[in-house]
């Protein structure tokens, strides 16, 4: 797991806000290229799996089905379910429902 310096939290919040702004201004192709540049293949795979877990949860799939289909742990599925349940913005849910079935 990567270590992030805990010093200067306001500066880190600013960095994140700037990144989010840049992402929102990119075309889909540019976003894909940036994510390919920033994420390792494993990070990209893990991110994609989390969105797929959300999609499967939203379509009523059971934990054991998701575990088997995606080779993920129950704790990961539970974390995604918690995000789907508690997120005030429902952004993960919005992304997951846009995925093809």
C-alpha atoms as a PDB file:
ATOM      1  CA  UNK A   1       0.000   0.000   0.000  1.00  0.00           C
ATOM      2  CA  UNK A   2       1.342   3.411  -0.925  1.00  0.00           C
ATOM      3  CA  UNK A   3       2.155   5.759   1.908  1.00  0.00           C
ATOM      4  CA  UNK A   4       0.792   9.281   1.822  1.00  0.00           C
ATOM      5  CA  UNK A   5       2.350  11.982   3.971  1.00  0.00           C
ATOM      6  CA  UNK A   6      -0.071  13.165   6.609  1.00  0.00           C
ATOM      7  CA  UNK A   7       1.504  16.606   6.826  1.00  0.00           C
ATOM      8  CA  UNK A   8      -0.259  19.613   5.388  1.00  0.00           C
ATOM      9  CA  UNK A   9      -3.799  18.182   5.017  1.00  0.00           C
ATOM     10  CA  UNK A  10      -5.136  21.397   3.464  1.00  0.00           C
ATOM     11  CA  UNK A  11      -2.498  21.168   0.755  1.00  0.00           C
ATOM     12  CA  UNK A  12      -3.492  17.551   0.005  1.00  0.00           C
ATOM     13  CA  UNK A  13      -7.156  18.578  -0.184  1.00  0.00           C
ATOM     14  CA  UNK A  14      -6.157  21.275  -2.665  1.00  0.00           C
ATOM     15  CA  UNK A  15      -4.215  18.747  -4.753  1.00  0.00           C
ATOM     16  CA  UNK A  16      -7.242  16.464  -4.837  1.00  0.00           C
ATOM     17  CA  UNK A  17      -9.588  19.299  -5.740  1.00  0.00           C
ATOM     18  CA  UNK A  18      -7.283  20.275  -8.598  1.00  0.00           C
ATOM     19  CA  UNK A  19      -7.137  16.677  -9.823  1.00  0.00           C
ATOM     20  CA  UNK A  20     -10.929  16.370  -9.736  1.00  0.00           C
ATOM     21  CA  UNK A  21     -11.233  19.607 -11.704  1.00  0.00           C
ATOM     22  CA  UNK A  22      -8.777  18.364 -14.329  1.00  0.00           C
ATOM     23  CA  UNK A  23     -10.642  15.047 -14.610  1.00  0.00           C
ATOM     24  CA  UNK A  24     -13.961  16.806 -15.085  1.00  0.00           C
ATOM     25  CA  UNK A  25     -12.548  18.880 -17.936  1.00  0.00           C
ATOM     26  CA  UNK A  26     -11.115  15.941 -19.906  1.00  0.00           C
ATOM     27  CA  UNK A  27     -12.767  14.081 -22.725  1.00  0.00           C
ATOM     28  CA  UNK A  28     -13.480  10.379 -22.149  1.00  0.00           C
ATOM     29  CA  UNK A  29     -10.424   9.436 -24.228  1.00  0.00           C
ATOM     30  CA  UNK A  30      -8.194  11.888 -22.345  1.00  0.00           C
ATOM     31  CA  UNK A  31      -9.527  10.539 -19.029  1.00  0.00           C
ATOM     32  CA  UNK A  32      -8.690   7.005 -20.125  1.00  0.00           C
ATOM     33  CA  UNK A  33      -5.180   8.055 -21.144  1.00  0.00           C
ATOM     34  CA  UNK A  34      -4.586   9.920 -17.873  1.00  0.00           C
ATOM     35  CA  UNK A  35      -5.778   7.004 -15.758  1.00  0.00           C
ATOM     36  CA  UNK A  36      -3.563   4.649 -17.758  1.00  0.00           C
ATOM     37  CA  UNK A  37      -0.625   6.950 -17.060  1.00  0.00           C
ATOM     38  CA  UNK A  38      -1.396   7.332 -13.338  1.00  0.00           C
ATOM     39  CA  UNK A  39      -2.561   3.878 -12.292  1.00  0.00           C
ATOM     40  CA  UNK A  40      -0.591   0.680 -12.276  1.00  0.00           C
ATOM     41  CA  UNK A  41      -2.304  -2.184 -14.106  1.00  0.00           C
ATOM     42  CA  UNK A  42      -3.217  -3.700 -10.707  1.00  0.00           C
ATOM     43  CA  UNK A  43      -4.710  -0.424  -9.425  1.00  0.00           C
ATOM     44  CA  UNK A  44      -6.780  -0.062 -12.587  1.00  0.00           C
ATOM     45  CA  UNK A  45      -7.982  -3.659 -12.263  1.00  0.00           C
ATOM     46  CA  UNK A  46      -8.941  -3.140  -8.609  1.00  0.00           C
ATOM     47  CA  UNK A  47     -10.813   0.051  -9.434  1.00  0.00           C
ATOM     48  CA  UNK A  48     -12.703  -1.644 -12.264  1.00  0.00           C
ATOM     49  CA  UNK A  49     -13.571  -4.569 -10.009  1.00  0.00           C
ATOM     50  CA  UNK A  50     -15.053  -2.261  -7.374  1.00  0.00           C
ATOM     51  CA  UNK A  51     -17.353  -0.657  -9.921  1.00  0.00           C
ATOM     52  CA  UNK A  52     -18.302  -4.121 -11.207  1.00  0.00           C
ATOM     53  CA  UNK A  53     -19.029  -5.226  -7.623  1.00  0.00           C
ATOM     54  CA  UNK A  54     -21.346  -2.241  -7.266  1.00  0.00           C
ATOM     55  CA  UNK A  55     -23.137  -3.151 -10.481  1.00  0.00           C
ATOM     56  CA  UNK A  56     -23.579  -6.723  -9.362  1.00  0.00           C
ATOM     57  CA  UNK A  57     -24.875  -5.663  -5.942  1.00  0.00           C
ATOM     58  CA  UNK A  58     -27.342  -3.277  -7.557  1.00  0.00           C
ATOM     59  CA  UNK A  59     -28.660  -6.078  -9.758  1.00  0.00           C
ATOM     60  CA  UNK A  60     -29.285  -8.291  -6.737  1.00  0.00           C
ATOM     61  CA  UNK A  61     -26.339 -10.639  -6.997  1.00  0.00           C
ATOM     62  CA  UNK A  62     -25.352 -12.411  -3.767  1.00  0.00           C
ATOM     63  CA  UNK A  63     -21.955 -12.113  -2.089  1.00  0.00           C
ATOM     64  CA  UNK A  64     -20.935 -15.682  -2.938  1.00  0.00           C
ATOM     65  CA  UNK A  65     -21.764 -15.083  -6.623  1.00  0.00           C
ATOM     66  CA  UNK A  66     -19.670 -11.916  -6.691  1.00  0.00           C
ATOM     67  CA  UNK A  67     -16.777 -13.589  -4.854  1.00  0.00           C
ATOM     68  CA  UNK A  68     -16.688 -16.395  -7.384  1.00  0.00           C
ATOM     69  CA  UNK A  69     -17.220 -14.263 -10.503  1.00  0.00           C
ATOM     70  CA  UNK A  70     -14.638 -11.589  -9.673  1.00  0.00           C
ATOM     71  CA  UNK A  71     -12.285 -13.434  -7.322  1.00  0.00           C
ATOM     72  CA  UNK A  72     -12.683 -10.818  -4.578  1.00  0.00           C
ATOM     73  CA  UNK A  73     -13.004 -11.039  -0.813  1.00  0.00           C
ATOM     74  CA  UNK A  74     -16.210 -10.542   1.144  1.00  0.00           C
ATOM     75  CA  UNK A  75     -14.646  -7.553   2.913  1.00  0.00           C
ATOM     76  CA  UNK A  76     -14.179  -5.790  -0.426  1.00  0.00           C
ATOM     77  CA  UNK A  77     -17.791  -6.498  -1.357  1.00  0.00           C
ATOM     78  CA  UNK A  78     -18.953  -5.257   2.051  1.00  0.00           C
ATOM     79  CA  UNK A  79     -16.909  -2.048   1.666  1.00  0.00           C
ATOM     80  CA  UNK A  80     -18.491  -1.393  -1.728  1.00  0.00           C
ATOM     81  CA  UNK A  81     -21.970  -2.104  -0.328  1.00  0.00           C
ATOM     82  CA  UNK A  82     -21.299   0.315   2.526  1.00  0.00           C
ATOM     83  CA  UNK A  83     -20.275   2.992   0.039  1.00  0.00           C
ATOM     84  CA  UNK A  84     -23.434   2.383  -1.998  1.00  0.00           C
ATOM     85  CA  UNK A  85     -25.524   2.667   1.145  1.00  0.00           C
ATOM     86  CA  UNK A  86     -23.893   5.654   2.833  1.00  0.00           C
ATOM     87  CA  UNK A  87     -22.718   7.850  -0.019  1.00  0.00           C
ATOM     88  CA  UNK A  88     -24.713  11.084  -0.104  1.00  0.00           C
ATOM     89  CA  UNK A  89     -23.776  11.680  -3.747  1.00  0.00           C
ATOM     90  CA  UNK A  90     -24.482   8.134  -4.980  1.00  0.00           C
ATOM     91  CA  UNK A  91     -21.643   8.612  -7.475  1.00  0.00           C
ATOM     92  CA  UNK A  92     -20.577   4.958  -7.417  1.00  0.00           C
ATOM     93  CA  UNK A  93     -24.172   3.893  -8.001  1.00  0.00           C
ATOM     94  CA  UNK A  94     -24.481   6.332 -10.901  1.00  0.00           C
ATOM     95  CA  UNK A  95     -21.290   4.985 -12.458  1.00  0.00           C
ATOM     96  CA  UNK A  96     -22.270   1.356 -11.944  1.00  0.00           C
ATOM     97  CA  UNK A  97     -25.684   1.698 -13.573  1.00  0.00           C
ATOM     98  CA  UNK A  98     -24.038   3.177 -16.670  1.00  0.00           C
ATOM     99  CA  UNK A  99     -22.058  -0.027 -17.231  1.00  0.00           C
ATOM    100  CA  UNK A 100     -23.420  -2.408 -19.845  1.00  0.00           C
ATOM    101  CA  UNK A 101     -25.228  -5.414 -18.435  1.00  0.00           C
END
